[in-house]
Amino acid sequence: MSIDQDRPNITDLIERALKQWHHQDVSFALKEALPYLVRRTAAEWPGSRPATASQATNQLLLDLIEALTGRDTEAATLLRRRYIDDQTGFAVANSLAISESVFYRRRREALTALVDVATVEEQAARSEHIARLEQRLEAPTYHQLFGIDALTTRLRTLLCPRSDIKMICLAGIGGLGKTSLADTLARQMIASGCFDEVAWVSARRQQFDLWGQLQETDQPALTVEMLLTSLDQQLSGSFSPPRPAAETLSLLKARLAKQSHLIILDNLETAADLQEILPLLQELSQSAWVLLTSRIAIREQAYIHLTNLTELSAVDATDLVRDEAFRRGLDDLAQALPESLHQIYDIAGGNPLALKLIVGQVHLRSLPTVLSDLSEARGQQAEALYEFIYRQAWELLDEAARRVLLVMPLTAPPGTTLEHLLGTTGLDYDDLNRALELLTRLSLVDVGGPLNDRRYQIHRLTETFLHKQVTKWL
């Protein structure tokens, strides 16, 4: 409901707040009616201790009456004398040389004028708040996301209204859309006003463009000091001179305690990064909510809620291909028969990055040629894609984990069992369990099935990768 549609309620809440001006023991505030103005007032409250509900409410009302003075001095004076100075209606009427009946009429008019001021300022505060927080995000690389509605709904329930789950990890292999999902959630949180502040820090060291180019970023490995500095500069809104990390952390924690914060850390990819950064994130999560994306599934930490991203279904993958083709002007692909699009899914599965790469390559080459190159790991674009998605994880695998992964293409949906893998890999029980732990941690193998019948399977693109590209790395 818009602020204009809810105007009667806002008028009632503002009048109630004015009447409670001198009742400092109550916790009534205008946050329901004017959340962005209340948020701004609280953020600007002097001192290290956050404003109480009554303090923020009273200061906001003073600010609104002051703003009203420029438009209607008499109305502002009437409200100030009646509520702030706590004069009776009779006394205010006498001081303004009007009858008591005229006083009550003008009070109603003054309240209407005050609501007009509040409405305009609330809308401006909301627009400014959203624009300010969205500037901290990276430019979105997607037009529309497919197959994530249920997932975003579930994640929103963990973040807003906020629960006691303070850290969430979105995990999955490269190209599944972890960053895009985090960006979507961030924008939804910002638009809904669920958090007072949102900060975004990226630890990305590689990027893959849709022309098939793999590029190293100029971003160094993320350190505790770099993370603290980035958060401090974003949330303070100014550039701070270098100072010890302990001092920055102390100032940051004081700021987090004053308002609700969502901290997003994107592409925390390596085990070294996690070991370095996780203790700090856990400390910050005492006062803030943290959302991080990683190719490594963090399961050993009980305080982290883990969500593993999976590939798109065939239906969602087809919808993505048609949408991407339409936006690129490839009408023949956008309108292709289902059989042609099924060929794409057979090779790339539901990996959004691979699907977009295929669509982009169709500008230059025939669809069969593009699919053949990808399935045979032939050509610069295909090799760069596999390098971006799999190389880092592959190099972390020991001999047992590689053996398990190499037999996974022999399994059929809905996946294989632990008993079947014992027979096909030749590993003993302990070695197989350690291998599966590593493979699932690196998001190369997915675990599904009911509680009493766990199944292990791989993405279709991983299967394609194992057929050809991995032989070049052995």
Protein backbone atom coordinates (compact mmCIF):
# COMPACT_ATOMS: atom_id res chain seq x y z
CA MET A 1 0.00 0.00 0.00
CA SER A 2 1.36 3.45 -0.97
CA ILE A 3 1.73 6.30 1.48
CA ASP A 4 -1.11 8.17 -0.27
CA GLN A 5 -3.48 5.20 0.08
CA ASP A 6 -2.56 4.91 3.76
CA ARG A 7 -2.98 8.62 4.46
CA PRO A 8 -5.77 8.30 7.09
CA ASN A 9 -3.61 5.92 9.11
CA ILE A 10 -0.61 8.25 8.82
CA THR A 11 -2.68 11.18 10.04
CA ASP A 12 -3.88 9.18 13.02
CA LEU A 13 -0.35 8.00 13.89
CA ILE A 14 1.12 11.50 13.65
CA GLU A 15 -1.62 12.91 15.89
CA ARG A 16 -1.08 10.12 18.41
CA ALA A 17 2.66 10.77 18.39
CA LEU A 18 2.10 14.48 19.01
CA LYS A 19 -0.19 13.72 21.94
CA GLN A 20 2.47 11.44 23.44
CA TRP A 21 5.26 13.99 23.13
CA HIS A 22 5.83 14.30 26.87
CA HIS A 23 5.37 10.58 27.66
CA GLN A 24 8.98 9.49 27.43
CA ASP A 25 8.29 6.12 29.03
CA VAL A 26 6.30 4.89 26.03
CA SER A 27 7.91 3.12 23.08
CA PHE A 28 5.51 4.49 20.50
CA ALA A 29 7.24 5.58 17.29
CA LEU A 30 6.27 6.63 13.78
CA LYS A 31 8.19 3.79 12.16
CA GLU A 32 4.98 2.22 10.88
CA ALA A 33 3.86 5.41 9.16
CA LEU A 34 7.14 7.08 8.19
CA PRO A 35 9.81 4.36 8.22
CA TYR A 36 12.36 6.15 6.04
CA LEU A 37 12.15 9.44 7.95
CA VAL A 38 12.45 7.58 11.25
CA ARG A 39 15.43 5.66 9.87
CA ARG A 40 17.13 8.87 8.76
CA THR A 41 16.47 10.54 12.11
CA ALA A 42 17.92 7.58 14.00
CA ALA A 43 20.97 7.46 11.73
CA GLU A 44 21.70 11.15 12.35
CA TRP A 45 21.28 10.84 16.12
CA PRO A 46 24.41 12.21 17.83
CA GLY A 47 26.58 10.12 20.09
CA SER A 48 27.51 6.46 20.09
CA ARG A 49 24.29 5.18 21.66
CA PRO A 50 21.28 4.67 19.38
CA ALA A 51 18.21 6.86 19.80
CA THR A 52 15.28 5.41 21.72
CA ALA A 53 11.92 5.11 19.98
CA SER A 54 10.58 8.16 21.83
CA GLN A 55 13.68 10.23 21.08
CA ALA A 56 13.57 9.44 17.37
CA THR A 57 9.82 10.12 17.22
CA ASN A 58 10.06 13.44 19.02
CA GLN A 59 13.02 14.64 16.96
CA LEU A 60 11.23 13.72 13.73
CA LEU A 61 8.12 15.63 14.79
CA LEU A 62 10.25 18.67 15.60
CA ASP A 63 11.87 18.44 12.16
CA LEU A 64 8.48 18.16 10.44
CA ILE A 65 7.05 21.14 12.34
CA GLU A 66 10.15 23.14 11.42
CA ALA A 67 9.65 22.19 7.77
CA LEU A 68 5.99 23.21 8.03
CA THR A 69 7.05 26.65 9.31
CA GLY A 70 8.34 27.54 5.87
CA ARG A 71 4.97 26.74 4.31
CA ASP A 72 2.49 27.81 6.97
CA THR A 73 3.93 29.62 9.97
CA GLU A 74 0.58 29.90 11.76
CA ALA A 75 -0.12 26.16 11.48
CA ALA A 76 3.36 25.31 12.72
CA THR A 77 3.02 27.72 15.63
CA LEU A 78 -0.33 26.24 16.62
CA LEU A 79 1.00 22.70 16.67
CA ARG A 80 4.16 23.66 18.52
CA ARG A 81 2.30 25.49 21.28
CA ARG A 82 -0.35 22.80 21.67
CA TYR A 83 1.85 19.71 21.68
CA ILE A 84 5.50 20.67 22.16
CA ASP A 85 4.84 23.45 24.71
CA ASP A 86 1.96 21.36 26.15
CA GLN A 87 -0.50 24.26 26.29
CA THR A 88 -4.24 23.62 26.47
CA GLY A 89 -6.40 24.33 23.46
CA PHE A 90 -7.95 27.25 25.32
CA ALA A 91 -4.52 28.77 26.07
CA VAL A 92 -3.37 28.39 22.46
CA ALA A 93 -6.59 29.95 21.18
CA ASN A 94 -6.06 32.95 23.47
CA SER A 95 -2.44 33.38 22.42
CA LEU A 96 -3.48 33.39 18.75
CA ALA A 97 -6.48 35.65 19.42
CA ILE A 98 -8.99 33.16 18.04
CA SER A 99 -12.00 31.39 19.50
CA GLU A 100 -11.69 27.89 20.84
CA SER A 101 -13.93 26.52 18.07
CA VAL A 102 -11.73 28.18 15.46
CA PHE A 103 -8.69 26.68 17.21
CA TYR A 104 -10.03 23.13 16.74
CA ARG A 105 -10.77 23.74 13.07
CA ARG A 106 -7.31 25.20 12.48
CA ARG A 107 -5.72 22.34 14.40
CA ARG A 108 -7.30 19.87 11.97
CA GLU A 109 -6.06 21.97 9.07
CA ALA A 110 -2.59 22.19 10.64
CA LEU A 111 -2.46 18.40 11.05
CA THR A 112 -3.44 18.01 7.40
CA ALA A 113 -0.66 20.39 6.39
CA LEU A 114 1.83 18.52 8.59
CA VAL A 115 0.84 15.22 6.98
CA ASP A 116 1.37 16.82 3.56
CA VAL A 117 4.90 17.78 4.57
CA ALA A 118 5.55 14.33 6.05
CA THR A 119 4.25 12.57 2.94
CA VAL A 120 6.49 14.54 0.59
CA GLU A 121 9.54 14.12 2.80
CA GLU A 122 8.90 10.39 3.32
CA GLN A 123 8.72 9.78 -0.42
CA ALA A 124 11.90 11.78 -0.96
CA ALA A 125 13.65 9.94 1.89
CA ARG A 126 12.64 6.58 0.44
CA SER A 127 13.92 7.45 -3.04
CA GLU A 128 17.18 8.77 -1.62
CA HIS A 129 17.63 5.72 0.60
CA ILE A 130 17.07 3.25 -2.25
CA ALA A 131 19.34 5.14 -4.66
CA ARG A 132 22.10 5.43 -2.06
CA LEU A 133 22.11 1.73 -1.21
CA GLU A 134 21.78 0.55 -4.82
CA GLN A 135 24.90 2.54 -5.70
CA ARG A 136 26.86 0.12 -3.53
CA LEU A 137 25.83 -2.85 -5.67
CA GLU A 138 27.53 -3.91 -8.86
CA ALA A 139 25.72 -3.33 -12.14
CA PRO A 140 23.44 -6.36 -12.71
CA THR A 141 24.61 -8.74 -15.44
CA TYR A 142 21.17 -10.26 -15.95
CA HIS A 143 17.90 -9.13 -17.49
CA GLN A 144 15.70 -11.71 -15.84
CA LEU A 145 16.34 -14.69 -13.59
CA PHE A 146 14.56 -17.98 -14.15
CA GLY A 147 13.61 -20.74 -11.75
CA ILE A 148 14.41 -18.86 -8.54
CA ASP A 149 11.01 -17.66 -7.30
CA ALA A 150 10.61 -20.33 -4.63
CA LEU A 151 14.23 -19.94 -3.54
CA THR A 152 14.10 -16.16 -3.22
CA THR A 153 10.85 -16.41 -1.28
CA ARG A 154 12.43 -18.84 1.18
CA LEU A 155 15.57 -16.71 1.56
CA ARG A 156 13.52 -13.56 2.11
CA THR A 157 11.76 -15.27 5.01
CA LEU A 158 15.18 -15.81 6.59
CA LEU A 159 16.18 -12.19 6.10
CA CYS A 160 13.01 -10.14 6.36
CA PRO A 161 11.43 -10.32 8.83
CA ARG A 162 14.81 -11.11 10.26
CA SER A 163 15.22 -14.36 12.15
CA ASP A 164 17.90 -15.60 14.50
CA ILE A 165 19.73 -17.02 11.47
CA LYS A 166 22.40 -14.37 10.98
CA MET A 167 24.61 -15.88 8.25
CA ILE A 168 23.52 -17.42 4.95
CA CYS A 169 25.84 -19.01 2.39
CA LEU A 170 24.78 -19.44 -1.25
CA ALA A 171 27.02 -22.17 -2.66
CA GLY A 172 27.40 -23.73 -6.09
CA ILE A 173 29.76 -24.21 -9.02
CA GLY A 174 30.59 -21.28 -11.26
CA GLY A 175 27.94 -20.02 -13.62
CA LEU A 176 24.89 -21.08 -11.60
CA GLY A 177 24.00 -17.48 -10.76
CA LYS A 178 25.06 -17.05 -7.12
CA THR A 179 26.02 -13.42 -7.65
CA SER A 180 22.83 -12.69 -9.60
CA LEU A 181 20.70 -14.27 -6.89
CA ALA A 182 22.49 -12.29 -4.18
CA ASP A 183 22.02 -9.12 -6.22
CA THR A 184 18.30 -9.84 -6.65
CA LEU A 185 17.90 -10.43 -2.93
CA ALA A 186 19.81 -7.25 -2.13
CA ARG A 187 17.60 -5.16 -4.40
CA GLN A 188 14.46 -6.71 -2.94
CA MET A 189 15.69 -6.03 0.60
CA ILE A 190 16.49 -2.44 -0.34
CA ALA A 191 13.14 -1.84 -2.05
CA SER A 192 11.20 -3.31 0.87
CA GLY A 193 13.09 -1.24 3.44
CA CYS A 194 13.83 -4.35 5.45
CA PHE A 195 17.33 -3.16 6.39
CA ASP A 196 18.55 0.28 7.33
CA GLU A 197 21.86 -0.30 5.55
CA VAL A 198 23.17 -2.73 2.94
CA ALA A 199 26.86 -3.20 2.02
CA TRP A 200 28.31 -5.20 -0.87
CA VAL A 201 31.91 -6.41 -1.06
CA SER A 202 33.24 -8.54 -3.92
CA ALA A 203 36.17 -10.94 -3.67
CA ARG A 204 36.04 -11.89 -7.36
CA ARG A 205 39.41 -12.63 -8.95
CA GLN A 206 38.25 -14.01 -12.30
CA GLN A 207 35.49 -13.04 -14.64
CA PHE A 208 34.10 -14.74 -17.73
CA ASP A 209 32.40 -12.65 -20.37
CA LEU A 210 29.78 -13.98 -22.75
CA TRP A 211 32.17 -13.75 -25.70
CA GLY A 212 34.08 -16.59 -24.10
CA GLN A 213 36.96 -14.57 -22.65
CA LEU A 214 38.40 -15.51 -19.27
CA GLN A 215 39.99 -12.54 -17.56
CA GLU A 216 41.83 -12.10 -14.32
CA THR A 217 40.65 -9.09 -12.32
CA ASP A 218 43.08 -6.63 -10.81
CA GLN A 219 41.56 -7.29 -7.40
CA PRO A 220 44.00 -8.72 -4.82
CA ALA A 221 43.15 -11.48 -2.41
CA LEU A 222 40.64 -10.21 0.13
CA THR A 223 42.08 -9.67 3.59
CA VAL A 224 40.46 -8.82 6.89
CA GLU A 225 41.87 -5.31 6.66
CA MET A 226 40.49 -4.81 3.12
CA LEU A 227 37.05 -6.06 4.13
CA LEU A 228 36.92 -3.81 7.18
CA THR A 229 38.05 -0.80 5.14
CA SER A 230 35.47 -1.42 2.43
CA LEU A 231 32.63 -1.80 4.93
CA ASP A 232 33.75 1.25 6.88
CA GLN A 233 33.87 3.45 3.77
CA GLN A 234 30.52 2.24 2.45
CA LEU A 235 28.63 2.57 5.70
CA SER A 236 30.21 5.83 6.84
CA GLY A 237 29.73 7.38 3.42
CA SER A 238 33.18 8.92 3.43
CA PHE A 239 36.81 8.07 2.84
CA SER A 240 38.62 7.38 6.08
CA PRO A 241 42.39 7.69 6.53
CA PRO A 242 44.25 4.45 7.24
CA ARG A 243 43.96 3.24 10.80
CA PRO A 244 44.55 0.00 12.71
CA ALA A 245 42.12 -2.84 11.91
CA ALA A 246 41.10 -3.10 15.57
CA GLU A 247 40.04 0.54 15.60
CA THR A 248 38.10 0.18 12.36
CA LEU A 249 36.38 -2.94 13.70
CA SER A 250 35.40 -1.16 16.91
CA LEU A 251 33.87 1.76 14.99
CA LEU A 252 32.14 -0.60 12.61
CA LYS A 253 30.57 -2.68 15.39
CA ALA A 254 29.29 0.50 17.06
CA ARG A 255 27.67 1.52 13.78
CA LEU A 256 26.13 -1.93 13.27
CA ALA A 257 24.60 -1.76 16.75
CA LYS A 258 22.70 1.45 15.95
CA GLN A 259 20.76 0.17 12.90
CA SER A 260 19.92 -3.05 11.06
CA HIS A 261 22.53 -4.01 8.45
CA LEU A 262 22.82 -6.61 5.69
CA ILE A 263 26.40 -7.33 4.63
CA ILE A 264 26.86 -9.19 1.34
CA LEU A 265 30.22 -10.76 0.55
CA ASP A 266 30.30 -12.07 -3.00
CA ASN A 267 32.65 -14.67 -4.50
CA LEU A 268 34.49 -15.79 -1.39
CA GLU A 269 35.90 -18.69 -3.35
CA THR A 270 38.97 -20.26 -1.83
CA ALA A 271 39.54 -22.19 1.36
CA ALA A 272 42.24 -19.67 2.28
CA ASP A 273 39.76 -16.81 1.90
CA LEU A 274 37.23 -18.61 4.06
CA GLN A 275 39.74 -19.37 6.78
CA GLU A 276 40.85 -15.73 6.79
CA ILE A 277 37.47 -14.03 6.63
CA LEU A 278 34.95 -16.31 8.38
CA PRO A 279 35.98 -15.44 11.96
CA LEU A 280 35.42 -11.76 11.20
CA LEU A 281 32.06 -12.45 9.55
CA GLN A 282 30.98 -14.45 12.57
CA GLU A 283 31.91 -11.54 14.83
CA LEU A 284 30.05 -9.04 12.63
CA SER A 285 26.99 -11.31 12.53
CA GLN A 286 26.47 -10.64 16.23
CA SER A 287 25.07 -7.27 15.16
CA ALA A 288 24.36 -7.65 11.43
CA TRP A 289 23.02 -10.16 8.94
CA VAL A 290 25.54 -11.64 6.50
CA LEU A 291 24.92 -13.17 3.07
CA LEU A 292 27.91 -14.68 1.28
CA THR A 293 28.36 -16.53 -2.00
CA SER A 294 30.99 -19.18 -2.53
CA ARG A 295 31.86 -22.18 -4.65
CA ILE A 296 32.68 -23.95 -1.41
CA ALA A 297 29.74 -25.25 0.60
CA ILE A 298 30.32 -24.30 4.24
CA ARG A 299 28.72 -27.10 6.24
CA GLU A 300 30.99 -27.46 9.22
CA GLN A 301 29.90 -24.18 10.81
CA ALA A 302 26.61 -24.57 12.69
CA TYR A 303 25.98 -20.81 12.67
CA ILE A 304 25.83 -20.68 8.84
CA HIS A 305 22.63 -21.53 6.97
CA LEU A 306 23.71 -23.25 3.74
CA THR A 307 21.75 -23.10 0.50
CA ASN A 308 23.16 -25.09 -2.41
CA LEU A 309 22.21 -23.76 -5.84
CA THR A 310 21.35 -26.36 -8.44
CA GLU A 311 21.11 -26.11 -12.21
CA LEU A 312 17.93 -24.93 -13.88
CA SER A 313 15.26 -27.41 -14.88
CA ALA A 314 14.80 -28.14 -18.59
CA VAL A 315 11.76 -25.84 -18.68
CA ASP A 316 13.55 -22.94 -17.00
CA ALA A 317 16.66 -23.46 -19.14
CA THR A 318 14.53 -23.32 -22.28
CA ASP A 319 12.85 -20.14 -21.09
CA LEU A 320 16.24 -18.56 -20.43
CA VAL A 321 17.54 -19.47 -23.90
CA ARG A 322 14.44 -18.08 -25.63
CA ASP A 323 14.60 -14.84 -23.60
CA GLU A 324 18.34 -14.38 -24.18
CA ALA A 325 17.96 -15.10 -27.91
CA PHE A 326 15.06 -12.66 -28.23
CA ARG A 327 17.00 -9.87 -26.53
CA ARG A 328 20.01 -10.49 -28.80
CA GLY A 329 17.90 -10.39 -31.94
CA LEU A 330 18.24 -14.11 -32.70
CA ASP A 331 14.61 -14.63 -33.64
CA ASP A 332 15.20 -18.02 -35.25
CA LEU A 333 16.66 -19.36 -31.99
CA ALA A 334 14.03 -17.63 -29.85
CA GLN A 335 11.31 -19.32 -31.89
CA ALA A 336 13.11 -22.63 -32.44
CA LEU A 337 11.30 -25.92 -32.03
CA PRO A 338 11.59 -27.59 -28.62
CA GLU A 339 13.79 -30.32 -30.15
CA SER A 340 16.52 -27.79 -30.97
CA LEU A 341 16.46 -26.32 -27.50
CA HIS A 342 16.55 -29.80 -25.94
CA GLN A 343 19.89 -30.30 -27.71
CA ILE A 344 21.24 -27.28 -25.86
CA TYR A 345 20.04 -28.63 -22.52
CA ASP A 346 21.56 -32.06 -23.24
CA ILE A 347 25.00 -30.46 -23.53
CA ALA A 348 24.92 -27.47 -21.15
CA GLY A 349 22.28 -28.62 -18.72
CA GLY A 350 20.82 -25.82 -16.64
CA ASN A 351 23.99 -23.75 -16.12
CA PRO A 352 22.90 -20.18 -16.95
CA LEU A 353 26.42 -19.03 -17.87
CA ALA A 354 26.90 -21.87 -20.34
CA LEU A 355 23.45 -21.31 -21.82
CA LYS A 356 24.16 -17.62 -22.36
CA LEU A 357 27.54 -18.42 -23.92
CA ILE A 358 25.88 -20.76 -26.40
CA VAL A 359 23.32 -18.12 -27.38
CA GLY A 360 26.07 -15.54 -27.84
CA GLN A 361 28.10 -17.86 -30.05
CA VAL A 362 25.12 -18.52 -32.35
CA HIS A 363 25.61 -15.00 -33.66
CA LEU A 364 28.72 -16.26 -35.47
CA ARG A 365 28.35 -20.01 -35.94
CA SER A 366 25.65 -22.60 -36.40
CA LEU A 367 24.03 -24.09 -33.30
CA PRO A 368 25.30 -27.65 -34.06
CA THR A 369 28.87 -26.32 -34.36
CA VAL A 370 28.63 -24.42 -31.08
CA LEU A 371 27.24 -27.45 -29.26
CA SER A 372 29.83 -29.75 -30.79
CA ASP A 373 32.66 -27.48 -29.69
CA LEU A 374 31.32 -27.38 -26.14
CA SER A 375 30.77 -31.13 -25.89
CA GLU A 376 34.23 -31.85 -27.34
CA ALA A 377 35.92 -29.11 -25.27
CA ARG A 378 37.13 -27.64 -28.54
CA GLY A 379 37.93 -24.01 -29.13
CA GLN A 380 38.91 -21.05 -27.00
CA GLN A 381 35.41 -20.31 -25.73
CA ALA A 382 34.68 -23.84 -24.54
CA GLU A 383 38.06 -24.23 -22.87
CA ALA A 384 37.73 -20.85 -21.15
CA LEU A 385 34.28 -21.79 -19.86
CA TYR A 386 35.50 -25.06 -18.36
CA GLU A 387 38.58 -23.30 -16.97
CA PHE A 388 36.39 -20.71 -15.25
CA ILE A 389 33.90 -23.17 -13.80
CA TYR A 390 35.96 -26.24 -12.95
CA ARG A 391 39.72 -25.65 -12.87
CA GLN A 392 39.99 -24.37 -9.33
CA ALA A 393 37.85 -27.18 -7.92
CA TRP A 394 39.60 -29.87 -9.97
CA GLU A 395 43.00 -28.89 -8.64
CA LEU A 396 41.76 -29.30 -5.07
CA LEU A 397 40.71 -32.93 -5.61
CA ASP A 398 42.84 -35.81 -4.41
CA GLU A 399 43.12 -39.10 -6.30
CA ALA A 400 40.12 -40.69 -4.57
CA ALA A 401 37.84 -37.71 -5.22
CA ARG A 402 38.85 -37.60 -8.89
CA ARG A 403 38.11 -41.31 -9.21
CA VAL A 404 34.63 -40.84 -7.78
CA LEU A 405 33.93 -37.85 -10.01
CA LEU A 406 35.05 -39.68 -13.14
CA VAL A 407 32.56 -42.52 -12.57
CA MET A 408 29.65 -40.16 -11.92
CA PRO A 409 28.66 -39.89 -15.63
CA LEU A 410 27.83 -43.62 -15.47
CA THR A 411 24.97 -42.88 -13.09
CA ALA A 412 21.44 -42.10 -14.22
CA PRO A 413 18.87 -39.78 -12.62
CA PRO A 414 17.93 -39.50 -9.82
CA GLY A 415 21.54 -40.32 -8.99
CA THR A 416 23.45 -43.18 -7.49
CA THR A 417 23.73 -44.59 -4.00
CA LEU A 418 26.69 -44.90 -1.68
CA GLU A 419 26.58 -48.68 -2.12
CA HIS A 420 26.77 -48.39 -5.90
CA LEU A 421 29.74 -46.02 -5.68
CA LEU A 422 31.54 -48.47 -3.39
CA GLY A 423 31.28 -51.06 -6.12
CA THR A 424 32.17 -48.86 -9.11
CA THR A 425 35.06 -46.91 -7.59
CA GLY A 426 36.83 -49.70 -5.73
CA LEU A 427 37.36 -47.38 -2.76
CA ASP A 428 36.83 -48.47 0.80
CA TYR A 429 34.03 -46.96 2.86
CA ASP A 430 36.10 -44.30 4.65
CA ASP A 431 37.93 -43.13 1.52
CA LEU A 432 34.67 -42.91 -0.42
CA ASN A 433 33.03 -40.85 2.30
CA ARG A 434 35.98 -38.48 2.43
CA ALA A 435 35.88 -38.15 -1.37
CA LEU A 436 32.16 -37.41 -1.40
CA GLU A 437 32.60 -34.89 1.38
CA LEU A 438 35.18 -33.01 -0.71
CA LEU A 439 33.17 -33.25 -3.94
CA THR A 440 29.97 -31.97 -2.36
CA ARG A 441 31.84 -29.27 -0.49
CA LEU A 442 33.22 -28.03 -3.82
CA SER A 443 29.73 -28.22 -5.40
CA LEU A 444 30.83 -30.79 -7.99
CA VAL A 445 28.43 -33.44 -6.72
CA ASP A 446 24.89 -32.77 -5.54
CA VAL A 447 23.17 -34.76 -2.81
CA GLY A 448 19.44 -35.37 -3.16
CA GLY A 449 16.77 -37.89 -2.40
CA PRO A 450 14.76 -38.46 0.77
CA LEU A 451 16.30 -38.63 4.23
CA ASN A 452 16.59 -42.43 4.18
CA ASP A 453 17.77 -42.78 0.57
CA ARG A 454 20.43 -40.20 -0.27
CA ARG A 455 21.46 -40.03 -3.94
CA TYR A 456 24.54 -38.50 -5.56
CA GLN A 457 24.55 -36.89 -8.99
CA ILE A 458 26.30 -34.27 -11.12
CA HIS A 459 25.13 -31.44 -13.35
CA ARG A 460 24.79 -32.12 -17.06
CA LEU A 461 27.51 -29.62 -17.87
CA THR A 462 29.82 -31.37 -15.42
CA GLU A 463 29.15 -34.61 -17.24
CA THR A 464 30.01 -32.95 -20.56
CA PHE A 465 33.16 -31.53 -19.00
CA LEU A 466 34.24 -34.94 -17.70
CA HIS A 467 33.90 -36.57 -21.11
CA LYS A 468 36.52 -34.39 -22.78
CA GLN A 469 38.07 -31.43 -21.00
CA VAL A 470 39.23 -33.25 -17.88
CA THR A 471 41.42 -35.58 -19.95
CA LYS A 472 43.57 -32.57 -20.83
CA TRP A 473 44.17 -31.87 -17.14
CA LEU A 474 45.07 -35.39 -16.02
